Protein backbone atom coordinates (compact mmCIF):
# COMPACT_ATOMS: atom_id res chain seq x y z
CA MET A 1 120.55 83.11 96.86
CA LYS A 2 117.59 85.12 95.65
CA ILE A 3 116.47 88.32 97.40
CA THR A 4 113.31 90.08 96.24
CA PHE A 5 112.41 93.70 96.92
CA ILE A 6 108.67 94.39 96.56
CA GLY A 7 108.13 98.11 96.03
CA ALA A 8 111.57 98.71 94.52
CA GLY A 9 110.20 101.84 92.83
CA SER A 10 110.80 103.50 96.20
CA ILE A 11 113.92 104.97 94.66
CA VAL A 12 115.40 106.45 97.83
CA PHE A 13 114.69 103.75 100.40
CA ALA A 14 115.16 100.73 98.11
CA LYS A 15 118.48 102.08 96.91
CA LYS A 16 119.69 102.43 100.51
CA VAL A 17 118.63 98.93 101.59
CA ILE A 18 120.07 97.19 98.52
CA LYS A 19 123.36 99.06 98.83
CA ASP A 20 123.43 97.99 102.48
CA LEU A 21 123.10 94.36 101.42
CA LEU A 22 126.01 94.66 99.04
CA THR A 23 128.39 95.92 101.75
CA PHE A 24 128.49 92.35 103.10
CA PRO A 25 130.84 89.98 101.20
CA LYS A 26 128.42 87.04 101.55
CA MET A 27 125.76 89.00 99.67
CA ARG A 28 128.11 89.37 96.69
CA GLU A 29 129.12 85.74 96.20
CA ASP A 30 126.27 84.36 94.10
CA THR A 31 123.19 86.51 94.58
CA LEU A 32 120.19 87.35 92.43
CA ILE A 33 118.41 90.54 93.48
CA ILE A 34 114.94 90.95 92.02
CA LEU A 35 113.42 94.43 91.84
CA GLU A 36 109.61 94.38 91.69
CA ASP A 37 107.09 97.20 91.44
CA ILE A 38 103.80 97.96 89.68
CA ASP A 39 105.25 101.32 88.55
CA LYS A 40 107.31 100.26 85.53
CA HIS A 41 108.86 103.68 85.01
CA ARG A 42 110.26 103.86 88.54
CA LEU A 43 111.24 100.20 88.35
CA ASP A 44 113.22 100.74 85.16
CA LEU A 45 115.02 103.69 86.74
CA MET A 46 116.05 101.57 89.70
CA HIS A 47 117.15 98.67 87.51
CA ALA A 48 119.24 101.00 85.34
CA TYR A 49 120.86 102.41 88.46
CA PHE A 50 121.97 99.03 89.80
CA GLN A 51 123.08 97.82 86.41
CA LYS A 52 125.37 100.87 86.28
CA TYR A 53 126.42 100.29 89.89
CA LYS A 54 127.58 96.81 88.87
CA GLU A 55 129.27 98.01 85.67
CA ASP A 56 131.17 100.68 87.61
CA ASN A 57 132.30 98.17 90.25
CA PRO A 58 132.76 94.95 88.23
CA ARG A 59 135.29 93.22 90.48
CA LEU A 60 133.25 93.67 93.65
CA LEU A 61 129.86 92.90 92.11
CA GLU A 62 130.81 90.11 89.70
CA GLY A 63 128.72 87.60 91.65
CA VAL A 64 125.57 89.76 91.79
CA THR A 65 122.78 89.81 89.22
CA PHE A 66 119.98 92.37 89.11
CA GLU A 67 116.65 91.72 87.42
CA ALA A 68 113.44 93.77 87.29
CA THR A 69 109.86 92.58 86.88
CA THR A 70 106.30 93.73 87.40
CA ASP A 71 105.26 90.08 87.88
CA GLN A 72 104.97 89.60 91.64
CA LYS A 73 104.77 85.80 91.61
CA LYS A 74 107.78 85.53 89.33
CA ALA A 75 109.68 87.88 91.66
CA ILE A 76 108.90 85.77 94.72
CA ASP A 77 109.49 82.38 93.06
CA GLU A 78 112.31 80.66 95.03
CA ALA A 79 113.21 83.89 96.85
CA LYS A 80 114.81 83.22 100.22
CA TYR A 81 114.18 86.76 101.45
CA VAL A 82 111.32 89.06 100.49
CA ILE A 83 111.51 92.73 101.48
CA SER A 84 108.46 95.04 101.38
CA ALA A 85 108.36 98.83 101.10
CA ILE A 86 105.06 99.44 99.33
CA GLN A 87 102.51 102.25 99.54
CA VAL A 88 99.14 101.15 98.21
CA GLY A 89 97.21 103.97 96.59
CA SER A 90 100.29 106.20 96.69
CA LEU A 91 99.75 109.90 97.40
CA ASP A 92 96.15 109.84 96.09
CA ALA A 93 94.99 107.56 98.90
CA TYR A 94 97.27 109.24 101.41
CA LYS A 95 95.61 112.58 100.69
CA LEU A 96 92.21 111.09 101.55
CA ASP A 97 93.59 109.64 104.81
CA LEU A 98 94.34 113.20 105.88
CA GLU A 99 91.72 115.41 104.26
CA ILE A 100 88.59 113.59 105.40
CA PRO A 101 89.56 113.39 109.11
CA LEU A 102 90.53 117.08 109.00
CA LYS A 103 86.93 117.95 108.04
CA HIS A 104 85.96 116.39 111.38
CA GLY A 105 88.62 118.28 113.36
CA ILE A 106 91.23 115.49 113.50
CA THR A 107 94.77 116.54 112.62
CA GLN A 108 97.58 114.10 111.82
CA THR A 109 101.20 115.09 111.24
CA VAL A 110 102.01 111.81 109.46
CA GLY A 111 98.91 109.63 109.63
CA ASP A 112 100.46 106.28 108.66
CA THR A 113 100.42 104.26 111.90
CA LEU A 114 97.31 104.76 114.03
CA GLY A 115 94.20 106.91 113.88
CA PRO A 116 91.98 107.12 110.78
CA GLY A 117 94.97 107.48 108.47
CA GLY A 118 96.85 104.51 109.89
CA VAL A 119 93.76 102.29 110.00
CA PHE A 120 92.87 102.89 106.35
CA ARG A 121 96.47 102.64 105.17
CA GLY A 122 96.54 99.31 107.00
CA LEU A 123 93.41 98.10 105.21
CA ARG A 124 94.86 98.97 101.81
CA THR A 125 98.19 97.33 102.62
CA MET A 126 96.73 94.12 104.05
CA ASN A 127 94.74 93.77 100.85
CA ALA A 128 98.02 93.81 98.88
CA PHE A 129 99.84 91.61 101.39
CA GLU A 130 97.15 88.97 100.97
CA SER A 131 98.45 88.15 97.48
CA ILE A 132 102.11 88.53 98.48
CA LEU A 133 101.66 85.95 101.24
CA GLU A 134 99.86 83.61 98.86
CA ASP A 135 102.84 83.79 96.49
CA ILE A 136 105.32 83.29 99.34
CA LYS A 137 103.40 80.21 100.44
CA ASP A 138 103.10 78.81 96.91
CA VAL A 139 106.51 79.44 95.37
CA GLY A 140 108.81 81.13 97.89
CA PHE A 141 112.27 79.70 98.64
CA GLN A 142 112.14 75.91 98.29
CA GLY A 143 108.42 75.74 97.68
CA GLY A 144 107.31 72.15 98.04
CA LYS A 145 110.85 70.77 98.05
CA GLN A 146 112.29 68.97 101.05
CA GLY A 147 114.34 70.97 103.54
CA ASN A 148 117.95 70.26 104.39
CA GLU A 149 118.99 67.60 106.89
CA ARG A 150 118.87 70.03 109.81
CA GLY A 151 115.28 70.89 108.97
CA PHE A 152 115.76 74.66 108.80
CA ALA A 153 112.77 76.63 107.52
CA GLN A 154 112.03 76.18 103.84
CA LYS A 155 109.88 79.29 103.58
CA PRO A 156 111.31 82.75 102.94
CA LEU A 157 111.67 85.37 105.61
CA PHE A 158 109.38 88.33 104.90
CA LEU A 159 111.06 91.55 106.07
CA ASN A 160 108.40 94.25 106.27
CA TYR A 161 109.16 97.97 106.25
CA THR A 162 105.63 99.05 105.30
CA ASN A 163 103.55 101.08 107.76
CA PRO A 164 101.40 100.72 109.74
CA MET A 165 104.10 98.36 111.00
CA ALA A 166 102.26 96.66 113.88
CA ILE A 167 99.00 96.17 111.97
CA ASN A 168 100.72 94.78 108.87
CA THR A 169 103.13 92.51 110.74
CA TRP A 170 100.32 91.25 112.98
CA TYR A 171 98.23 90.38 109.92
CA CYS A 172 101.07 88.62 108.11
CA ASN A 173 101.91 86.41 111.08
CA LEU A 174 98.25 85.50 111.57
CA ILE A 175 98.01 84.36 107.95
CA MET A 176 101.45 82.66 107.92
CA PRO A 177 102.72 82.14 111.48
CA GLY A 178 106.39 82.95 111.92
CA SER A 179 106.73 84.33 108.39
CA THR A 180 107.34 88.00 109.03
CA VAL A 181 109.50 90.37 111.02
CA GLY A 182 108.74 94.09 110.99
CA LEU A 183 111.70 96.44 110.69
CA CYS A 184 111.71 100.12 111.64
CA HIS A 185 114.42 102.69 112.38
CA GLY A 186 112.81 104.32 115.43
CA VAL A 187 114.79 102.40 118.05
CA GLN A 188 118.27 102.77 116.61
CA GLY A 189 117.60 106.39 115.60
CA THR A 190 116.47 107.28 119.12
CA ALA A 191 119.34 105.31 120.67
CA ASN A 192 121.80 107.36 118.67
CA LEU A 193 120.12 110.56 119.88
CA LEU A 194 120.34 109.41 123.51
CA ARG A 195 123.96 108.37 123.06
CA MET A 196 124.81 111.87 121.86
CA TYR A 197 122.94 113.39 124.83
CA VAL A 198 125.24 111.57 127.27
CA GLY A 199 128.37 111.83 125.11
CA ALA A 200 129.06 108.10 124.84
CA ALA A 201 131.05 106.30 122.14
CA PRO A 202 129.12 103.70 120.07
CA GLY A 203 130.82 100.75 121.76
CA GLU A 204 130.21 102.15 125.21
CA PHE A 205 126.44 102.51 125.11
CA TYR A 206 123.77 99.91 125.91
CA TYR A 207 119.99 100.04 126.07
CA LEU A 208 116.95 97.86 126.55
CA ALA A 209 113.99 99.11 124.52
CA ALA A 210 110.64 97.32 124.33
CA GLY A 211 106.96 98.00 123.70
CA ILE A 212 105.15 98.28 120.39
CA ASN A 213 106.22 99.88 117.13
CA HIS A 214 106.39 103.67 117.41
CA MET A 215 105.68 103.32 121.15
CA ALA A 216 108.65 101.44 122.54
CA TRP A 217 110.24 102.53 125.79
CA PHE A 218 113.91 102.82 126.74
CA LEU A 219 113.59 100.86 129.96
CA GLU A 220 117.35 100.86 130.58
CA ILE A 221 120.11 103.13 129.26
CA TRP A 222 123.74 102.53 130.26
CA PHE A 223 127.04 104.04 129.15
CA LYS A 224 130.73 104.19 130.03
CA ASP A 225 132.48 107.47 130.73
CA SER A 226 134.95 107.77 127.85
CA PHE A 227 137.07 110.22 129.91
CA THR A 228 137.56 107.65 132.71
CA PRO A 229 139.73 104.65 131.71
CA GLY A 230 138.16 101.40 132.90
CA SER A 231 134.87 103.12 133.70
CA ASP A 232 132.06 100.96 135.03
CA TRP A 233 128.67 101.03 133.35
CA ILE A 234 126.69 104.10 134.46
CA ASN A 235 122.91 104.52 134.47
CA ALA A 236 122.27 107.24 131.89
CA TYR A 237 118.85 108.34 133.14
CA PRO A 238 120.14 110.53 136.02
CA ILE A 239 122.48 112.21 133.51
CA LEU A 240 119.58 112.86 131.12
CA TRP A 241 117.50 114.40 133.91
CA GLU A 242 120.43 116.53 135.01
CA HIS A 243 121.01 117.82 131.48
CA PHE A 244 117.31 118.54 131.07
CA GLU A 245 117.07 120.52 134.31
CA GLU A 246 120.26 122.49 133.76
CA GLU A 247 120.06 122.87 129.98
CA PRO A 248 116.37 122.72 128.96
CA GLU A 249 117.39 123.69 125.43
CA ILE A 250 118.71 120.12 125.11
CA MET A 251 115.19 119.05 124.15
CA GLY A 252 115.52 121.00 120.90
CA SER A 253 112.47 120.33 118.77
CA GLU A 254 111.48 117.18 120.71
CA LYS A 255 109.02 118.84 123.11
CA VAL A 256 106.44 116.04 123.07
CA ARG A 257 109.00 113.30 123.72
CA TRP A 258 110.56 115.12 126.66
CA ASP A 259 107.13 115.96 128.06
CA MET A 260 106.21 112.27 127.89
CA MET A 261 109.46 111.38 129.62
CA LYS A 262 108.51 113.79 132.42
CA ALA A 263 105.07 112.16 132.57
CA THR A 264 106.13 108.49 132.44
CA GLY A 265 109.78 108.43 133.50
CA PHE A 266 110.97 106.81 130.26
CA PHE A 267 112.13 108.09 126.88
CA MET A 268 110.13 106.87 123.87
CA THR A 269 111.15 105.82 120.39
CA GLU A 270 109.12 108.05 118.13
CA SER A 271 109.71 111.65 117.07
CA SER A 272 107.37 114.25 118.53
CA GLY A 273 105.16 114.76 115.48
CA HIS A 274 104.52 111.05 115.11
CA LEU A 275 104.17 110.46 118.84
CA SER A 276 101.56 113.18 119.29
CA GLU A 277 99.20 111.16 117.08
CA TYR A 278 99.17 108.08 119.33
CA LEU A 279 98.14 109.91 122.50
CA PRO A 280 95.07 111.88 123.64
CA TYR A 281 97.04 114.79 125.11
CA TYR A 282 98.54 117.04 122.45
CA ARG A 283 96.36 117.47 119.36
CA LYS A 284 92.91 118.28 120.76
CA ARG A 285 93.40 122.06 121.12
CA LYS A 286 95.20 124.69 119.09
CA ASP A 287 96.94 126.08 122.16
CA LEU A 288 98.44 122.65 122.91
CA LEU A 289 99.62 122.23 119.33
CA GLU A 290 101.26 125.64 119.55
CA LYS A 291 102.80 124.97 122.97
CA PHE A 292 104.36 121.64 122.01
CA LYS A 293 105.46 122.37 118.48
CA GLY A 294 109.22 122.16 118.27
CA ALA A 295 109.73 123.66 114.83
CA ASP A 296 107.90 125.54 112.09
CA THR A 297 108.24 122.69 109.58
CA GLY A 298 108.99 118.98 109.70
CA PHE A 299 107.68 116.22 111.96
CA ASP A 300 108.26 118.20 115.14
CA SER A 301 106.17 121.12 113.93
CA LEU A 302 103.06 119.03 114.76
CA GLU A 303 101.53 120.61 111.63
CA HIS A 304 98.73 118.68 109.99
CA ALA A 305 99.80 116.63 106.93
CA GLU A 306 103.41 117.78 107.23
CA TYR A 307 104.82 114.48 105.96
CA TYR A 308 102.39 114.40 103.05
CA LYS A 309 103.35 117.96 102.13
CA SER A 310 107.04 117.09 102.24
CA ASN A 311 106.37 114.14 99.91
CA ILE A 312 104.60 116.47 97.50
CA ARG A 313 107.50 118.94 97.64
CA LYS A 314 110.04 116.19 97.00
CA ALA A 315 108.05 114.47 94.25
CA SER A 316 108.83 117.16 91.68
CA THR A 317 112.60 116.85 92.09
CA LEU A 318 113.06 113.26 93.27
CA GLU A 319 113.35 111.64 89.85
CA GLU A 320 115.41 114.54 88.53
CA GLU A 321 117.95 114.13 91.34
CA PHE A 322 117.96 110.35 90.90
CA THR A 323 118.55 110.71 87.15
CA GLU A 324 121.42 113.13 87.78
CA GLU A 325 123.07 110.52 89.99
CA LEU A 326 122.43 107.83 87.40
CA ASN A 327 124.19 109.96 84.77
CA LYS A 328 127.36 110.38 86.80
CA ASP A 329 130.56 109.11 85.19
CA HIS A 330 131.11 106.66 88.02
CA LEU A 331 129.05 105.33 90.94
CA SER A 332 131.48 104.58 93.76
CA PHE A 333 131.00 101.40 95.75
CA GLU A 334 129.70 102.05 99.27
CA THR A 335 131.55 100.00 101.86
CA ASN A 336 129.60 100.99 104.98
CA SER A 337 126.00 100.04 105.60
CA SER A 338 123.39 102.36 107.09
CA SER A 339 121.69 101.78 110.42
CA GLU A 340 118.75 99.99 108.75
CA TYR A 341 118.45 96.46 110.12
CA CYS A 342 117.55 94.50 106.98
CA ALA A 343 121.00 93.74 105.56
CA HIS A 344 122.41 92.91 109.01
CA VAL A 345 119.59 90.42 109.65
CA ILE A 346 120.11 88.63 106.33
CA ASN A 347 123.88 88.56 106.77
CA ALA A 348 123.51 87.12 110.30
CA ILE A 349 121.40 84.25 108.95
CA GLU A 350 123.70 83.56 106.00
CA THR A 351 127.00 83.73 107.94
CA ASN A 352 125.87 82.62 111.43
CA SER A 353 127.24 85.91 112.79
CA PRO A 354 124.80 86.85 115.59
CA PHE A 355 123.20 90.29 115.37
CA ARG A 356 121.00 92.03 117.95
CA PHE A 357 118.24 94.36 116.79
CA ASN A 358 114.76 95.49 117.77
CA GLY A 359 112.11 93.88 115.61
CA ASN A 360 108.34 93.49 115.45
CA ILE A 361 106.98 89.99 116.07
CA MET A 362 104.00 88.29 117.68
CA ASN A 363 103.88 88.17 121.49
CA HIS A 364 103.54 84.37 121.64
CA ASN A 365 101.84 83.30 124.88
CA ALA A 366 102.65 86.78 126.24
CA SER A 367 106.20 85.48 126.72
CA PHE A 368 108.14 88.38 125.22
CA ILE A 369 106.35 91.25 126.98
CA THR A 370 104.55 89.54 129.81
CA ASN A 371 101.98 92.25 130.56
CA LEU A 372 100.86 92.87 126.97
CA PRO A 373 98.26 90.58 125.33
CA ARG A 374 99.29 87.25 123.91
CA GLY A 375 99.22 87.32 120.14
CA CYS A 376 99.59 91.08 119.72
CA CYS A 377 102.52 92.56 117.77
CA VAL A 378 105.37 93.75 120.00
CA GLU A 379 108.74 95.37 119.34
CA VAL A 380 111.49 93.69 121.37
CA PRO A 381 115.22 92.92 121.20
CA ILE A 382 115.92 89.94 118.93
CA PHE A 383 119.11 87.99 118.32
CA VAL A 384 119.38 86.46 114.86
CA ASP A 385 121.76 83.81 113.50
CA THR A 386 121.57 80.83 111.13
CA GLY A 387 118.93 79.29 113.37
CA GLY A 388 116.61 82.25 112.75
CA LEU A 389 115.12 84.82 115.11
CA HIS A 390 115.57 84.49 118.88
CA PRO A 391 113.50 87.17 120.65
CA GLU A 392 114.36 88.31 124.15
CA GLY A 393 111.53 87.51 126.55
CA GLY A 394 110.29 87.98 130.09
CA ILE A 395 110.08 91.77 129.74
CA SER A 396 107.49 93.58 131.87
CA LEU A 397 106.53 97.20 131.18
CA PRO A 398 105.84 99.73 133.94
CA ILE A 399 102.08 100.14 134.30
CA GLN A 400 101.94 103.58 132.67
CA CYS A 401 103.85 102.28 129.63
CA GLN A 402 101.72 99.14 129.52
CA ALA A 403 98.49 101.16 129.55
CA LEU A 404 99.55 103.53 126.78
CA CYS A 405 100.64 100.60 124.61
CA MET A 406 97.31 98.89 125.29
CA SER A 407 95.43 101.95 124.01
CA ASN A 408 97.16 101.48 120.64
CA ILE A 409 97.08 97.68 120.61
CA MET A 410 93.29 97.53 120.74
CA VAL A 411 93.07 99.79 117.66
CA GLN A 412 95.50 97.48 115.87
CA LYS A 413 93.59 94.35 116.91
CA ALA A 414 90.23 95.71 115.76
CA THR A 415 91.76 96.78 112.42
CA VAL A 416 93.27 93.37 111.71
CA GLU A 417 90.08 91.53 112.71
CA GLY A 418 87.95 94.00 110.76
CA PHE A 419 90.00 93.37 107.63
CA LEU A 420 89.95 89.58 107.98
CA GLU A 421 86.17 89.64 108.41
CA ARG A 422 85.65 92.52 105.92
CA ASP A 423 83.59 94.07 108.70
CA LYS A 424 83.05 97.84 108.43
CA GLU A 425 81.62 97.95 111.94
CA LYS A 426 84.87 96.65 113.44
CA ILE A 427 86.81 99.24 111.47
CA TYR A 428 84.52 101.92 112.89
CA HIS A 429 85.28 100.56 116.36
CA ALA A 430 89.01 100.62 115.60
CA VAL A 431 88.88 104.33 114.78
CA MET A 432 86.52 105.00 117.70
CA LEU A 433 89.14 103.50 120.06
CA ASP A 434 91.97 105.63 118.71
CA PRO A 435 93.14 107.94 121.54
CA ASN A 436 93.64 111.06 119.43
CA THR A 437 90.34 110.66 117.55
CA ALA A 438 88.44 109.96 120.77
CA SER A 439 89.78 113.17 122.32
CA ILE A 440 88.16 115.21 119.53
CA CYS A 441 85.06 113.49 118.09
CA SER A 442 81.90 111.90 119.43
CA PRO A 443 81.08 108.29 118.41
CA GLY A 444 78.48 109.57 115.93
CA GLU A 445 80.94 111.96 114.31
CA ILE A 446 83.49 109.15 114.04
CA ARG A 447 80.94 106.89 112.35
CA GLU A 448 80.19 109.59 109.79
CA MET A 449 83.90 110.08 109.08
CA VAL A 450 84.61 106.35 108.71
CA SER A 451 81.67 105.95 106.29
CA GLU A 452 83.04 108.78 104.17
CA MET A 453 86.52 107.24 104.16
CA PHE A 454 85.17 103.87 103.05
CA GLU A 455 83.23 105.51 100.25
CA SER A 456 86.22 107.54 99.05
CA GLN A 457 88.63 104.55 99.11
CA GLU A 458 86.33 101.91 97.69
CA ARG A 459 88.63 101.13 94.75
CA TRP A 460 91.47 100.03 97.07
CA LEU A 461 89.25 98.02 99.43
CA PRO A 462 87.52 95.21 97.52
CA GLY A 463 85.33 93.02 99.71
CA PHE A 464 84.11 95.85 101.92
């Protein structure tokens, strides 16, 4: 089995996901893991790390081989699984995503999912994904060979972690239907937060979350009282409201999320700094930014470019810390996987051990979320086994949740169509429809900003 990681120079995230894979015995039987990146220095660091990881744990990793290459097509050739964690243009492009909108009064704490930053990051990424998908189609998994007697898919599964998640996953599945599932950690991270709020054990907590990436809604939350033997399942929402009313400090730094729960009746998946960017309510005035900031630094500070600044701060020490770990006498084998979905999904397919997760897929015939558009990208519960992905369907969002998702979906749709047609006017419309941008700028001001962003990012956007 061949697994390829595109963007393996992401030395923190790639290391986590690959170590997750290796916690499963099936992944260690006869597996080739290909590390691919255009940054050879970072790639070599990662390759050296996993070579040492194998040398320090020879019995456990005897069946695993690690290879590194900057040749994308070679990396994808016969790969059964392709994982993406790329950032096109790196921090140089990211800086432009933030600085130019700021000149026009638009602040973004992260700027990688919606708004001007998310739209232009999406354009850059889709440009790179175009060639990745071509290689997957040409040489991935069994290529032109015949499938097995059961007729299971011969093409690889593309597991995308790259933001903007909905835009990128939507594009990939338009180009190659059924090829891609988008993976994020917002749902399981929020679920763990909610579980702690109600004091439930991991095996005594259930939820139904659905919507779109970074705007999914916890429609149901249930738990069992661990202090009551044989407890029935209890609706957690009344408990959350009770805690909030009696102990308002429970909200901690998550002021935007709790305010949106008060407004809509449902808790949302994304942290407050991120979430504030997808709505028209919180970033249009300084007094609102001050009122809803939950911290002085970090995502929940609502500060402009906070994630970019943290990346800059970390950049100076990241390689140094990685090299220190690489130079340790012994790298201990990690037996427990993280909460990231990727390794669990691959293991479920390889071992036919069903796994339930929340993933991003196309809303075929509006069957998964019935009141969101057919063919948009939704985030819903999915069961996975050897037969592939089996999304849960027939979910209907409350009207307020539906409407807020729709405000983001139309930005995503215009961005994908604008890229496919290389149409600057559609990209202008995408940004014009963004709720946060529309709360601050006039259409003419938005046009001026979009023109400046195109001009500044020309080298990453051929064809425009």
